[in-house]
Protein backbone atom coordinates (compact mmCIF):
# COMPACT_ATOMS: atom_id res chain seq x y z
CA UNK A 1 16.74 -59.38 -43.47
CA UNK A 2 15.17 -58.34 -46.22
CA UNK A 3 13.67 -61.57 -47.58
CA UNK A 4 12.34 -62.24 -45.03
CA UNK A 5 11.03 -59.20 -44.20
CA UNK A 6 8.95 -59.71 -47.30
CA UNK A 7 7.81 -63.08 -46.75
CA UNK A 8 6.72 -62.05 -43.14
CA UNK A 9 4.95 -59.04 -44.62
CA UNK A 10 3.54 -61.20 -47.64
CA UNK A 11 1.83 -63.21 -44.57
CA UNK A 12 0.54 -60.39 -42.85
CA UNK A 13 3.32 -60.48 -39.75
CA UNK A 14 5.76 -57.36 -40.19
CA UNK A 15 8.75 -57.52 -38.49
CA UNK A 16 10.38 -54.31 -37.02
CA UNK A 17 13.26 -52.67 -39.46
CA UNK A 18 16.38 -54.05 -38.52
CA UNK A 19 19.09 -51.21 -37.72
CA UNK A 20 22.46 -52.12 -38.74
CA UNK A 21 25.53 -50.87 -36.33
CA UNK A 22 27.77 -47.88 -37.54
CA UNK A 23 30.97 -48.53 -39.30
CA UNK A 24 33.90 -47.84 -36.83
CA UNK A 25 35.85 -45.33 -37.81
CA UNK A 26 39.61 -46.52 -37.97
CA UNK A 27 42.38 -45.27 -35.68
CA UNK A 28 44.74 -43.71 -37.88
CA UNK A 29 48.15 -42.70 -36.34
CA UNK A 30 50.91 -41.26 -37.71
CA UNK A 31 54.19 -41.92 -36.55
CA UNK A 32 56.27 -39.40 -35.38
CA UNK A 33 60.25 -39.20 -36.55
CA UNK A 34 61.66 -40.91 -33.41
CA UNK A 35 59.22 -43.63 -33.25
CA UNK A 36 59.94 -44.31 -37.26
CA UNK A 37 63.65 -44.17 -36.37
CA UNK A 38 63.42 -46.68 -33.88
CA UNK A 39 60.92 -49.23 -35.82
CA UNK A 40 63.34 -49.01 -38.59
CA UNK A 41 66.39 -49.91 -36.22
CA UNK A 42 64.90 -52.69 -34.55
CA UNK A 43 63.93 -53.96 -37.97
CA UNK A 44 67.65 -54.31 -38.75
CA UNK A 45 69.05 -57.87 -39.54
CA UNK A 46 65.14 -59.41 -39.65
CA UNK A 47 62.87 -59.96 -42.70
CA UNK A 48 61.06 -57.05 -42.35
CA UNK A 49 63.86 -54.72 -42.59
CA UNK A 50 63.64 -53.89 -46.28
CA UNK A 51 60.01 -53.94 -46.22
CA UNK A 52 59.89 -51.30 -43.60
CA UNK A 53 62.34 -49.61 -45.05
CA UNK A 54 60.61 -49.15 -48.38
CA UNK A 55 57.07 -48.60 -46.51
CA UNK A 56 59.16 -45.79 -45.33
CA UNK A 57 59.92 -44.11 -48.40
CA UNK A 58 55.96 -44.05 -49.24
CA UNK A 59 55.53 -47.50 -51.13
CA UNK A 60 52.27 -49.29 -50.86
CA UNK A 61 52.22 -52.65 -49.28
CA UNK A 62 51.20 -54.02 -52.72
CA UNK A 63 53.79 -52.63 -54.15
CA UNK A 64 56.28 -53.99 -51.87
CA UNK A 65 54.83 -57.37 -52.20
CA UNK A 66 55.26 -57.09 -55.87
CA UNK A 67 58.95 -55.80 -56.32
CA UNK A 68 61.53 -58.40 -57.67
CA UNK A 69 65.21 -57.94 -58.28
CA UNK A 70 64.26 -57.63 -62.04
CA UNK A 71 62.94 -54.29 -60.46
CA UNK A 72 66.29 -53.06 -58.85
CA UNK A 73 68.80 -51.45 -61.31
CA UNK A 74 71.79 -49.96 -59.72
CA UNK A 75 70.20 -48.16 -56.80
CA UNK A 76 66.87 -47.61 -58.57
CA UNK A 77 63.52 -49.41 -58.06
CA UNK A 78 61.14 -49.76 -60.64
CA UNK A 79 57.98 -49.27 -59.22
CA UNK A 80 55.19 -50.80 -61.88
CA UNK A 81 53.34 -53.64 -60.43
CA UNK A 82 51.65 -54.63 -57.44
CA UNK A 83 50.19 -57.43 -55.78
CA UNK A 84 46.28 -57.54 -55.06
CA UNK A 85 43.89 -60.49 -54.17
CA UNK A 86 41.68 -61.59 -56.71
CA UNK A 87 37.91 -63.13 -56.77
CA UNK A 88 39.41 -66.18 -56.51
CA UNK A 89 41.35 -64.97 -52.68
CA UNK A 90 45.01 -65.54 -54.50
CA UNK A 91 47.48 -63.04 -54.67
CA UNK A 92 48.00 -61.70 -58.42
CA UNK A 93 50.83 -59.56 -59.80
CA UNK A 94 49.45 -56.70 -61.71
CA UNK A 95 50.29 -53.12 -63.35
CA UNK A 96 49.68 -50.57 -61.13
CA UNK A 97 46.31 -48.87 -61.10
CA UNK A 98 47.15 -45.92 -63.25
CA UNK A 99 50.20 -44.43 -65.06
CA UNK A 100 51.25 -42.46 -62.48
CA UNK A 101 51.38 -45.36 -60.46
CA UNK A 102 54.44 -46.37 -62.40
CA UNK A 103 57.67 -44.54 -61.32
CA UNK A 104 61.28 -45.22 -60.44
CA UNK A 105 62.39 -43.93 -56.96
CA UNK A 106 66.13 -43.56 -55.77
CA UNK A 107 67.11 -45.67 -52.98
CA UNK A 108 70.18 -45.49 -50.79
CA UNK A 109 72.84 -47.37 -52.02
CA UNK A 110 72.98 -49.46 -48.66
CA UNK A 111 69.10 -50.38 -48.73
CA UNK A 112 69.78 -51.56 -52.78
CA UNK A 113 72.91 -53.76 -51.48
CA UNK A 114 70.96 -55.74 -48.74
CA UNK A 115 68.07 -56.34 -51.54
CA UNK A 116 70.71 -57.64 -53.80
CA UNK A 117 72.21 -59.78 -50.96
CA UNK A 118 69.01 -61.04 -49.68
CA UNK A 119 67.71 -61.96 -53.48
CA UNK A 120 64.19 -60.86 -52.52
CA UNK A 121 62.06 -57.79 -50.85
CA UNK A 122 59.42 -59.66 -49.32
CA UNK A 123 58.56 -63.56 -50.17
CA UNK A 124 55.30 -63.86 -48.82
CA UNK A 125 51.64 -62.48 -49.09
CA UNK A 126 50.19 -59.16 -48.68
CA UNK A 127 48.56 -60.18 -45.39
CA UNK A 128 51.43 -61.93 -44.07
CA UNK A 129 53.52 -58.57 -44.38
CA UNK A 130 50.59 -56.86 -42.46
CA UNK A 131 50.42 -59.83 -39.97
CA UNK A 132 54.17 -59.89 -39.43
CA UNK A 133 54.11 -55.93 -39.13
CA UNK A 134 51.48 -55.91 -36.68
CA UNK A 135 53.10 -58.59 -34.03
CA UNK A 136 56.58 -56.46 -34.56
CA UNK A 137 55.04 -53.16 -33.52
CA UNK A 138 53.42 -54.74 -30.67
CA UNK A 139 56.18 -56.55 -29.77
CA UNK A 140 58.41 -53.22 -29.60
CA UNK A 141 56.18 -51.70 -27.43
CA UNK A 142 54.87 -49.14 -30.38
CA UNK A 143 51.29 -48.09 -30.15
CA UNK A 144 49.29 -49.48 -33.10
CA UNK A 145 49.95 -48.57 -36.75
CA UNK A 146 49.10 -50.08 -39.86
CA UNK A 147 51.88 -50.48 -42.46
CA UNK A 148 50.03 -47.96 -44.39
CA UNK A 149 50.65 -45.56 -41.90
CA UNK A 150 54.46 -45.44 -42.53
CA UNK A 151 53.70 -44.35 -46.36
CA UNK A 152 51.80 -41.20 -44.10
CA UNK A 153 54.54 -40.72 -42.29
CA UNK A 154 56.63 -40.26 -45.51
CA UNK A 155 54.07 -37.66 -46.98
CA UNK A 156 54.24 -36.08 -43.90
CA UNK A 157 57.87 -36.03 -43.69
CA UNK A 158 58.43 -34.46 -47.11
CA UNK A 159 55.79 -31.98 -46.62
CA UNK A 160 56.81 -30.53 -42.96
CA UNK A 161 60.23 -31.47 -42.67
CA UNK A 162 61.83 -31.12 -46.37
CA UNK A 163 59.34 -28.77 -47.55
CA UNK A 164 57.96 -30.00 -50.56
CA UNK A 165 55.49 -29.19 -52.03
CA UNK A 166 51.93 -31.06 -52.69
CA UNK A 167 52.73 -31.68 -56.08
CA UNK A 168 56.37 -32.65 -55.52
CA UNK A 169 54.83 -35.52 -53.44
CA UNK A 170 52.42 -36.44 -55.37
CA UNK A 171 54.92 -37.46 -58.36
CA UNK A 172 57.09 -39.36 -55.83
CA UNK A 173 54.27 -41.20 -54.06
CA UNK A 174 51.31 -41.40 -56.76
CA UNK A 175 49.07 -40.12 -54.06
């Protein structure tokens, strides 16, 4: 529009100014504890079970998609890389965005065993994970949640139920 406006103005034919539409505020909904419990129980035995369990523990989608079995030692996961899209529109594994994002989290032994048994955590792109999650949520009759909203649930749960300080929550989630 800017280029055409300049050309028409130069030719002596002014165009009306363009007004872009306002961006739409995203509908961010933090799931309630009973909704999270329901989602996680319905994910049991599906390919979403492990990624959703990790998302409910505060991990980012990019972190979940970059994890491999090499990142699991006993029941401790080393979060030190992320799967991100590059300018070439391909997924690239990179180090985490900053030093504090490199962290270790303790997971429950049954989840660690499921990861070892499955041999994978997630074997597709971050967009595929979000897409599968969206379909899963819709299929099971829940209102629309983003996968990232599980991370918000975790932070809220830590603050409101476990009475953790903001600094403690930041340390384990790298908010």
